[in-house]
């Protein structure tokens, strides 16, 4: 059985709950990402959400948020799901489909993010 650890990105791009939206915007544009994973801290690496340009724009419109004053935790959405390191490709794809996810965090038994699986890469491996 193929496990997600075989295809996951072991060094995923992320921000923390305290990262300012100006920096998040820069990262999203620089790496051409739609969303960025939000972790509680670089040390603990627990997934707590995802943030996109759309999320940041909504926060700015609704609350007049300024990029220099607003952090990820103020505009992120909760992460719908994660998968364990021992999950199969098929299990991972099913979770991603059910939750309409383009990427999914992979966590160890303590809930720390060890990598990310991208839906496009996973789909190619299953074909």
Protein backbone atom coordinates (compact mmCIF):
# COMPACT_ATOMS: atom_id res chain seq x y z
CA UNK A 1 0.00 0.00 0.00
CA UNK A 2 1.39 3.39 -1.00
CA UNK A 3 1.52 5.89 1.86
CA UNK A 4 1.21 9.64 1.59
CA UNK A 5 4.68 10.11 3.09
CA UNK A 6 6.07 8.87 -0.23
CA UNK A 7 4.67 11.82 -2.18
CA UNK A 8 4.21 14.59 0.36
CA UNK A 9 6.18 17.82 0.33
CA UNK A 10 8.34 17.51 3.46
CA UNK A 11 9.04 21.24 3.60
CA UNK A 12 5.70 22.92 2.92
CA UNK A 13 5.26 26.67 2.75
CA UNK A 14 3.27 27.93 5.73
CA UNK A 15 2.71 30.90 7.98
CA UNK A 16 1.94 31.09 11.68
CA UNK A 17 -1.10 32.53 13.40
CA UNK A 18 0.87 35.73 14.05
CA UNK A 19 2.12 36.30 10.48
CA UNK A 20 0.87 39.65 9.17
CA UNK A 21 -1.32 39.63 6.08
CA UNK A 22 1.14 41.81 4.16
CA UNK A 23 3.70 38.97 4.43
CA UNK A 24 1.09 36.33 3.57
CA UNK A 25 0.09 38.29 0.47
CA UNK A 26 3.74 38.48 -0.56
CA UNK A 27 4.22 34.69 -0.12
CA UNK A 28 1.03 33.82 -2.01
CA UNK A 29 2.00 35.96 -4.96
CA UNK A 30 5.69 35.03 -4.95
CA UNK A 31 4.98 31.28 -5.04
CA UNK A 32 1.71 31.55 -7.01
CA UNK A 33 -0.29 29.77 -4.29
CA UNK A 34 -4.04 30.03 -3.84
CA UNK A 35 -3.92 29.30 -0.12
CA UNK A 36 -1.36 29.07 2.63
CA UNK A 37 -1.37 26.68 5.56
CA UNK A 38 -1.52 28.35 8.97
CA UNK A 39 0.30 26.67 11.89
CA UNK A 40 0.06 27.54 15.57
CA UNK A 41 3.83 28.07 15.73
CA UNK A 42 7.01 27.06 13.91
CA UNK A 43 8.01 24.96 16.91
CA UNK A 44 4.77 23.00 17.51
CA UNK A 45 3.56 22.91 13.89
CA UNK A 46 -0.10 22.14 14.65
CA UNK A 47 -2.36 23.01 11.69
CA UNK A 48 -4.98 25.57 12.67
CA UNK A 49 -6.21 26.96 9.36
CA UNK A 50 -5.74 28.13 5.82
CA UNK A 51 -5.69 31.64 4.45
CA UNK A 52 -6.14 33.01 0.92
CA UNK A 53 -6.15 36.40 -0.76
CA UNK A 54 -9.94 36.18 -0.78
CA UNK A 55 -10.01 35.62 2.99
CA UNK A 56 -7.78 38.63 3.54
CA UNK A 57 -9.88 40.82 1.23
CA UNK A 58 -13.06 39.80 3.06
CA UNK A 59 -11.50 40.69 6.42
CA UNK A 60 -10.43 44.08 5.06
CA UNK A 61 -13.90 44.83 3.71
CA UNK A 62 -15.81 43.60 6.76
CA UNK A 63 -13.59 45.05 9.47
CA UNK A 64 -11.38 47.62 7.78
CA UNK A 65 -8.30 45.48 8.44
CA UNK A 66 -4.94 46.98 7.60
CA UNK A 67 -2.22 44.63 6.23
CA UNK A 68 0.33 45.84 8.76
CA UNK A 69 -1.99 45.38 11.74
CA UNK A 70 -3.82 42.14 10.90
CA UNK A 71 -2.50 38.63 11.45
CA UNK A 72 -3.39 35.30 9.86
CA UNK A 73 -5.50 34.19 12.82
CA UNK A 74 -7.87 37.11 12.20
CA UNK A 75 -8.74 36.16 8.62
CA UNK A 76 -8.04 32.43 8.27
CA UNK A 77 -10.56 29.64 7.80
CA UNK A 78 -10.33 26.48 9.84
CA UNK A 79 -8.58 23.54 8.20
CA UNK A 80 -11.29 21.06 7.19
CA UNK A 81 -9.19 17.90 7.52
CA UNK A 82 -5.76 16.37 7.91
CA UNK A 83 -4.42 12.89 7.17
CA UNK A 84 -2.07 10.68 9.15
CA UNK A 85 1.37 9.74 7.86
CA UNK A 86 0.27 6.14 7.34
CA UNK A 87 -2.73 7.09 5.15
CA UNK A 88 -2.90 5.51 1.72
CA UNK A 89 -3.12 7.50 -1.49
CA UNK A 90 -6.76 6.45 -1.86
CA UNK A 91 -7.69 7.45 1.70
CA UNK A 92 -6.02 10.80 1.22
CA UNK A 93 -7.79 11.52 -2.06
CA UNK A 94 -11.16 10.58 -0.56
CA UNK A 95 -10.66 13.00 2.35
CA UNK A 96 -9.57 15.74 -0.05
CA UNK A 97 -12.61 15.19 -2.28
CA UNK A 98 -15.04 15.14 0.64
CA UNK A 99 -13.64 18.41 1.96
CA UNK A 100 -13.01 20.14 -1.40
CA UNK A 101 -9.29 20.57 -0.69
CA UNK A 102 -6.46 21.26 -3.15
CA UNK A 103 -3.85 20.32 -0.54
CA UNK A 104 -3.98 18.53 2.80
CA UNK A 105 -1.62 18.58 5.76
CA UNK A 106 -0.03 15.29 6.81
CA UNK A 107 0.38 14.94 10.58
CA UNK A 108 2.31 12.63 12.86
CA UNK A 109 0.78 10.86 15.85
CA UNK A 110 1.17 14.05 17.94
CA UNK A 111 -0.70 16.19 15.41
CA UNK A 112 2.41 18.00 14.14
CA UNK A 113 2.54 18.77 10.43
CA UNK A 114 5.23 16.69 8.73
CA UNK A 115 4.28 17.54 5.18
CA UNK A 116 1.57 18.44 2.69
CA UNK A 117 0.05 16.44 -0.16
CA UNK A 118 -1.10 18.36 -3.22
CA UNK A 119 -4.19 17.03 -4.96
CA UNK A 120 -2.70 17.41 -8.44
CA UNK A 121 0.37 15.33 -7.56
CA UNK A 122 -1.75 12.69 -5.82
CA UNK A 123 -4.09 12.39 -8.78
CA UNK A 124 -1.16 11.87 -11.15
CA UNK A 125 0.22 9.10 -8.91
CA UNK A 126 -3.11 7.28 -9.01
CA UNK A 127 -3.40 7.35 -12.80
